[in-house]
Amino acid sequence: MKSIKLGNTSLETAPIVFGGNVFGWTLDEKKSFKILDELLEKGFTTIDTADVYSRWAPGNNGGESEKIIGKWMKDRGVRDKINLATKVGSSMQQGGDKDISRKHIIKASEDSLKRLQTDYIDLYYTHWDDDKTPVEETLSTYQKLIDAGKVRYIGASNLSPERLQASLDAAKKENLPKYEVFQPEYSLMARRKFEENIREICDKNHLSVLSYFSLASGFLTGKYQKIEDVEGSSREMFLKDYFNEGGKRVLDAIWEVSNEHMVSEAAVSLAWIMQRPGITAPIASATKISHLKSFFEAIDIDLTTEQMKRLNEASAWREDLL
């Protein structure tokens, strides 16, 4: 399995990054360990998490995903084999304020390191912008963490085009750490924001792009066909807006292409992202070891120009996205 370099870093990833949001949410510790063991064995060594994962699960307070990953790495003695990415900026409180100030980042990074049971984070993301902290303050704080050996490289997620560009400009002008990776929401159900406003900035500044919600919280696996399938479940808040004519059009196109290749719908959805311009790799999760089959299917298949066109047309909300 080929490795892909992330930005101007020494980090490399498999063509698919594993999303750790499921740990402590839809997977308990025992099942999480089994998935992590299988991932490592199969060569998927880049794990993406955040300090607030998985706070939305009943009884959770945030940090559960980091705790499980940290316990697993220590138990297995595999920290040096894992490219570990986590994030800062969200509140541990539902509906709480975003915060990327120096004070918050310093405190949150120490908390993450403790939960992860490690001395350093390979890739540390600005998770959400607070739209008020000067970008120089955020980047200089990361410089402090890098100088202390607690962070190796930095990335950003969910920043507006304006704040992302301002951060890149400040890094160059003030000789501060530069974001090397950008993480946007991007899938067959969510294209416009990245393609219209962010992709060009990432291309011009040589940022790797790792897409999150690549399977639209499971919608693009074809598992959920109607709103009743998710009502009352932990996924309802993420999927409720997809059950419409646009969603059906996308699912029908995926189903057709998956049958032509004799692979899963999830594989087609991931392969489409992997073949889109400006994308380095998708982030995807799995709750069963059997689900990982779709990762290998996605890596192995090559969607034709005609198949990509069909998927593009089914998912485009604007003509200029084709």
Protein backbone atom coordinates (compact mmCIF):
# COMPACT_ATOMS: atom_id res chain seq x y z
CA MET A 1 0.00 0.00 0.00
CA LYS A 2 1.46 3.33 -1.08
CA SER A 3 2.24 6.12 1.36
CA ILE A 4 1.43 9.78 0.77
CA LYS A 5 3.47 12.63 2.23
CA LEU A 6 1.58 15.26 4.19
CA GLY A 7 2.48 18.81 3.22
CA ASN A 8 6.05 19.85 3.89
CA THR A 9 6.45 17.39 6.73
CA SER A 10 8.13 14.05 7.37
CA LEU A 11 4.72 12.47 8.02
CA GLU A 12 3.31 9.94 5.60
CA THR A 13 -0.13 8.39 5.50
CA ALA A 14 -1.90 5.50 3.85
CA PRO A 15 -4.41 6.60 1.17
CA ILE A 16 -7.12 6.60 3.85
CA VAL A 17 -6.85 8.13 7.34
CA PHE A 18 -8.84 6.51 10.12
CA GLY A 19 -11.25 8.80 11.97
CA GLY A 20 -11.21 8.19 15.71
CA ASN A 21 -14.51 9.94 16.43
CA VAL A 22 -16.14 6.50 16.81
CA PHE A 23 -13.97 5.57 19.78
CA GLY A 24 -15.99 6.04 22.93
CA TRP A 25 -19.07 6.91 20.88
CA THR A 26 -20.33 4.03 18.74
CA LEU A 27 -17.48 1.77 19.86
CA ASP A 28 -16.63 0.89 23.44
CA GLU A 29 -13.03 0.40 24.57
CA LYS A 30 -12.84 -3.34 23.82
CA LYS A 31 -14.20 -2.97 20.29
CA SER A 32 -12.03 0.09 19.71
CA PHE A 33 -8.92 -1.90 20.60
CA LYS A 34 -9.88 -4.60 18.07
CA ILE A 35 -10.32 -2.03 15.32
CA LEU A 36 -7.04 -0.32 16.19
CA ASP A 37 -5.18 -3.63 16.21
CA GLU A 38 -6.55 -4.47 12.78
CA LEU A 39 -5.73 -1.02 11.40
CA LEU A 40 -2.12 -1.25 12.51
CA GLU A 41 -1.76 -4.75 11.11
CA LYS A 42 -3.15 -3.66 7.74
CA GLY A 43 -0.92 -0.58 7.50
CA PHE A 44 -3.38 2.22 8.37
CA THR A 45 -1.20 4.08 10.85
CA THR A 46 -2.57 7.64 10.74
CA ILE A 47 -5.26 8.11 13.41
CA ASP A 48 -7.29 11.32 13.57
CA THR A 49 -9.05 12.40 16.76
CA ALA A 50 -9.87 15.56 18.76
CA ASP A 51 -9.98 16.61 22.38
CA VAL A 52 -13.79 16.87 22.31
CA TYR A 53 -14.47 13.44 20.79
CA SER A 54 -16.84 11.80 21.80
CA ARG A 55 -18.68 14.26 23.99
CA TRP A 56 -22.03 13.86 22.17
CA ALA A 57 -22.51 10.28 23.42
CA PRO A 58 -24.79 9.99 26.49
CA GLY A 59 -22.76 10.19 29.70
CA ASN A 60 -19.61 11.44 27.99
CA ASN A 61 -17.79 14.69 28.73
CA GLY A 62 -15.27 14.78 25.86
CA GLY A 63 -11.81 13.29 25.61
CA GLU A 64 -13.07 9.70 25.50
CA SER A 65 -11.57 9.03 22.07
CA GLU A 66 -8.15 10.34 23.11
CA LYS A 67 -8.25 8.23 26.27
CA ILE A 68 -8.96 5.04 24.36
CA ILE A 69 -6.25 5.71 21.77
CA GLY A 70 -3.75 6.59 24.51
CA LYS A 71 -4.53 3.47 26.51
CA TRP A 72 -4.25 1.32 23.38
CA MET A 73 -0.90 2.80 22.32
CA LYS A 74 0.55 2.29 25.79
CA ASP A 75 -0.85 -1.21 26.17
CA ARG A 76 0.47 -2.30 22.77
CA GLY A 77 3.71 -0.28 22.95
CA VAL A 78 3.14 1.18 19.48
CA ARG A 79 3.36 4.95 19.89
CA ASP A 80 6.32 5.15 17.51
CA LYS A 81 4.34 3.37 14.78
CA ILE A 82 1.40 5.78 14.81
CA ASN A 83 0.97 9.18 13.17
CA LEU A 84 -1.26 10.78 15.76
CA ALA A 85 -3.44 13.78 14.95
CA THR A 86 -5.66 15.61 17.41
CA LYS A 87 -7.30 19.01 17.61
CA VAL A 88 -7.90 22.05 19.79
CA GLY A 89 -10.37 24.91 19.73
CA SER A 90 -13.74 23.39 20.53
CA SER A 91 -15.39 23.58 23.92
CA MET A 92 -15.85 20.51 26.08
CA GLN A 93 -19.30 21.90 26.82
CA GLN A 94 -22.10 21.39 24.30
CA GLY A 95 -22.71 24.75 22.69
CA GLY A 96 -19.69 26.28 24.39
CA ASP A 97 -17.54 28.98 22.85
CA LYS A 98 -14.70 28.15 20.47
CA ASP A 99 -11.28 29.22 21.75
CA ILE A 100 -7.88 29.30 20.05
CA SER A 101 -6.23 31.74 22.43
CA ARG A 102 -2.76 31.09 23.84
CA LYS A 103 -4.15 30.29 27.29
CA HIS A 104 -6.64 27.74 25.99
CA ILE A 105 -4.25 26.01 23.60
CA ILE A 106 -1.58 25.57 26.28
CA LYS A 107 -4.06 24.07 28.74
CA ALA A 108 -5.87 21.93 26.17
CA SER A 109 -2.64 20.54 24.72
CA GLU A 110 -1.47 19.41 28.15
CA ASP A 111 -4.83 17.74 28.75
CA SER A 112 -4.65 15.97 25.39
CA LEU A 113 -1.11 14.74 26.03
CA LYS A 114 -2.23 13.27 29.35
CA ARG A 115 -5.23 11.51 27.84
CA LEU A 116 -3.14 10.21 24.95
CA GLN A 117 -0.38 9.09 27.34
CA THR A 118 2.30 10.49 25.07
CA ASP A 119 4.94 13.21 25.08
CA TYR A 120 4.14 14.60 21.65
CA ILE A 121 1.44 15.04 19.02
CA ASP A 122 2.45 14.48 15.41
CA LEU A 123 -0.16 16.76 13.87
CA TYR A 124 -2.06 19.32 15.95
CA TYR A 125 -5.06 21.01 14.34
CA THR A 126 -6.87 24.23 14.96
CA HIS A 127 -10.27 22.52 15.11
CA TRP A 128 -12.60 25.52 14.92
CA ASP A 129 -11.88 29.23 14.70
CA ASP A 130 -13.10 31.59 17.41
CA ASP A 131 -12.99 34.46 14.87
CA LYS A 132 -11.40 36.81 17.37
CA THR A 133 -7.97 35.58 18.48
CA PRO A 134 -5.23 37.15 16.32
CA VAL A 135 -3.80 34.48 14.05
CA GLU A 136 -0.31 35.49 15.20
CA GLU A 137 -1.23 34.58 18.78
CA THR A 138 -2.43 31.13 17.77
CA LEU A 139 0.58 30.39 15.57
CA SER A 140 3.12 31.69 18.09
CA THR A 141 1.56 29.42 20.70
CA TYR A 142 2.05 26.47 18.38
CA GLN A 143 5.66 27.60 17.96
CA LYS A 144 6.08 27.33 21.71
CA LEU A 145 4.68 23.80 21.70
CA ILE A 146 6.89 22.82 18.76
CA ASP A 147 9.99 24.24 20.46
CA ALA A 148 9.11 22.22 23.57
CA GLY A 149 8.85 19.03 21.51
CA LYS A 150 5.16 18.59 22.33
CA VAL A 151 3.91 19.13 18.78
CA ARG A 152 5.66 18.24 15.52
CA TYR A 153 3.47 19.89 12.86
CA ILE A 154 0.24 21.86 12.70
CA GLY A 155 -2.90 21.79 10.59
CA ALA A 156 -6.24 23.56 10.45
CA SER A 157 -9.85 22.50 10.09
CA ASN A 158 -13.00 24.50 9.36
CA LEU A 159 -11.27 27.88 9.04
CA SER A 160 -12.88 30.40 6.72
CA PRO A 161 -10.94 31.19 3.53
CA GLU A 162 -10.10 34.61 4.95
CA ARG A 163 -8.72 33.33 8.25
CA LEU A 164 -6.85 30.48 6.57
CA GLN A 165 -5.17 32.89 4.16
CA ALA A 166 -4.42 35.32 7.00
CA SER A 167 -2.77 32.51 8.96
CA LEU A 168 -0.64 31.48 5.99
CA ASP A 169 0.37 35.09 5.36
CA ALA A 170 1.28 35.63 9.02
CA ALA A 171 3.34 32.44 9.11
CA LYS A 172 5.39 33.65 6.16
CA LYS A 173 5.72 37.27 7.30
CA GLU A 174 6.46 36.58 10.98
CA ASN A 175 8.41 33.34 10.48
CA LEU A 176 5.83 31.36 12.43
CA PRO A 177 4.77 27.72 11.98
CA LYS A 178 2.72 27.14 8.83
CA TYR A 179 -0.36 24.98 8.58
CA GLU A 180 0.71 21.97 6.52
CA VAL A 181 -2.64 20.17 6.35
CA PHE A 182 -6.19 21.40 5.97
CA GLN A 183 -9.19 19.33 6.99
CA PRO A 184 -12.52 20.32 5.44
CA GLU A 185 -15.85 18.56 5.35
CA TYR A 186 -15.97 17.04 1.89
CA SER A 187 -17.99 14.25 0.34
CA LEU A 188 -20.53 13.57 -2.37
CA MET A 189 -23.02 15.26 -0.03
CA ALA A 190 -20.87 18.31 0.80
CA ARG A 191 -18.79 19.85 -1.97
CA ARG A 192 -19.49 23.54 -2.36
CA LYS A 193 -17.59 25.11 0.55
CA PHE A 194 -14.28 23.39 -0.24
CA GLU A 195 -14.45 23.56 -4.02
CA GLU A 196 -15.57 27.20 -4.21
CA ASN A 197 -13.47 28.80 -1.52
CA ILE A 198 -10.74 26.62 -0.03
CA ARG A 199 -9.23 24.33 -2.66
CA GLU A 200 -7.36 27.08 -4.50
CA ILE A 201 -5.78 28.37 -1.27
CA CYS A 202 -4.62 24.87 -0.36
CA ASP A 203 -3.21 24.27 -3.84
CA LYS A 204 -1.30 27.55 -3.95
CA ASN A 205 0.19 27.03 -0.50
CA HIS A 206 0.97 23.32 -0.88
CA LEU A 207 -1.34 22.19 1.92
CA SER A 208 -2.35 18.55 2.00
CA VAL A 209 -6.10 18.08 2.27
CA LEU A 210 -7.67 15.36 4.39
CA SER A 211 -11.45 15.33 4.11
CA TYR A 212 -13.69 14.58 7.09
CA PHE A 213 -17.25 13.20 7.03
CA SER A 214 -16.08 11.49 3.84
CA LEU A 215 -18.97 9.03 4.07
CA ALA A 216 -21.40 11.71 5.28
CA SER A 217 -21.66 10.07 8.72
CA GLY A 218 -22.52 6.74 7.12
CA PHE A 219 -25.18 8.02 4.72
CA LEU A 220 -23.05 7.20 1.66
CA THR A 221 -22.64 3.57 2.68
CA GLY A 222 -26.21 2.97 1.56
CA LYS A 223 -27.13 1.61 4.96
CA TYR A 224 -29.75 4.28 5.62
CA GLN A 225 -32.51 4.67 3.04
CA LYS A 226 -35.09 6.71 4.92
CA ILE A 227 -35.24 9.08 7.88
CA GLU A 228 -36.94 6.40 9.98
CA ASP A 229 -33.73 4.34 9.78
CA VAL A 230 -31.89 6.88 11.97
CA GLU A 231 -34.62 8.41 14.11
CA GLY A 232 -33.71 8.16 17.77
CA SER A 233 -30.15 7.03 17.01
CA SER A 234 -26.87 8.81 17.74
CA ARG A 235 -26.51 9.55 14.02
CA GLU A 236 -29.82 11.33 13.56
CA MET A 237 -28.41 14.81 14.10
CA PHE A 238 -25.80 14.24 11.37
CA LEU A 239 -28.04 12.55 8.79
CA LYS A 240 -31.50 14.08 9.10
CA ASP A 241 -30.94 16.65 6.32
CA TYR A 242 -29.79 14.11 3.72
CA PHE A 243 -33.09 12.36 3.14
CA ASN A 244 -34.30 14.34 0.15
CA GLU A 245 -34.25 14.16 -3.65
CA GLY A 246 -30.62 15.27 -3.77
CA GLY A 247 -29.58 12.55 -1.36
CA LYS A 248 -31.52 9.92 -3.30
CA ARG A 249 -29.89 11.02 -6.54
CA VAL A 250 -26.43 10.58 -5.03
CA LEU A 251 -27.23 7.17 -3.52
CA ASP A 252 -28.64 5.91 -6.83
CA ALA A 253 -25.48 6.96 -8.68
CA ILE A 254 -23.22 5.33 -6.08
CA TRP A 255 -25.25 2.13 -6.22
CA GLU A 256 -24.92 1.94 -10.00
CA VAL A 257 -21.15 2.43 -9.94
CA SER A 258 -20.66 0.01 -7.03
CA ASN A 259 -22.47 -2.69 -9.01
CA GLU A 260 -20.28 -2.04 -12.04
CA HIS A 261 -17.15 -2.59 -9.95
CA MET A 262 -18.72 -5.21 -7.63
CA VAL A 263 -17.61 -3.27 -4.54
CA SER A 264 -19.38 -1.57 -1.65
CA GLU A 265 -21.05 1.83 -1.87
CA ALA A 266 -18.60 3.06 0.77
CA ALA A 267 -15.69 2.08 -1.47
CA VAL A 268 -17.08 4.10 -4.38
CA SER A 269 -17.70 7.12 -2.15
CA LEU A 270 -14.12 7.04 -0.87
CA ALA A 271 -12.62 6.36 -4.29
CA TRP A 272 -14.47 9.37 -5.70
CA ILE A 273 -12.82 11.60 -3.07
CA MET A 274 -9.40 10.05 -3.71
CA GLN A 275 -9.72 10.88 -7.42
CA ARG A 276 -10.95 14.46 -6.92
CA PRO A 277 -8.48 17.31 -7.58
CA GLY A 278 -6.87 18.86 -4.54
CA ILE A 279 -7.57 15.97 -2.17
CA THR A 280 -4.73 14.09 -0.48
CA ALA A 281 -6.76 11.42 1.34
CA PRO A 282 -10.18 10.95 2.89
CA ILE A 283 -10.74 10.37 6.59
CA ALA A 284 -13.13 7.51 7.26
CA SER A 285 -14.28 5.46 10.23
CA ALA A 286 -15.49 1.91 10.74
CA THR A 287 -17.35 0.24 13.57
CA LYS A 288 -16.67 -3.34 12.49
CA ILE A 289 -13.54 -5.02 11.19
CA SER A 290 -15.54 -6.21 8.19
CA HIS A 291 -16.15 -2.57 7.26
CA LEU A 292 -12.43 -2.11 6.60
CA LYS A 293 -12.86 -4.15 3.42
CA SER A 294 -14.25 -1.02 1.80
CA PHE A 295 -10.96 0.78 2.48
CA PHE A 296 -9.03 -1.73 0.38
CA GLU A 297 -11.71 -1.73 -2.30
CA ALA A 298 -11.47 2.05 -2.54
CA ILE A 299 -7.70 1.94 -2.82
CA ASP A 300 -7.78 -0.77 -5.50
CA ILE A 301 -10.53 0.48 -7.82
CA ASP A 302 -10.03 3.10 -10.52
CA LEU A 303 -13.21 4.95 -11.37
CA THR A 304 -13.50 5.74 -15.07
CA THR A 305 -13.90 9.24 -16.43
CA GLU A 306 -17.51 8.43 -17.26
CA GLN A 307 -18.21 7.09 -13.76
CA MET A 308 -16.65 10.16 -12.15
CA LYS A 309 -18.80 12.34 -14.41
CA ARG A 310 -21.94 10.51 -13.30
CA LEU A 311 -21.06 10.93 -9.63
CA ASN A 312 -20.12 14.58 -10.15
CA GLU A 313 -23.42 15.32 -11.86
CA ALA A 314 -25.46 13.53 -9.22
CA SER A 315 -23.77 15.46 -6.39
CA ALA A 316 -23.36 18.90 -7.94
CA TRP A 317 -25.60 21.60 -6.57
CA ARG A 318 -24.16 24.15 -9.05
CA GLU A 319 -23.12 23.88 -12.67
CA ASP A 320 -19.67 25.27 -11.95
CA LEU A 321 -18.91 22.34 -9.64
CA LEU A 322 -18.98 19.82 -12.50
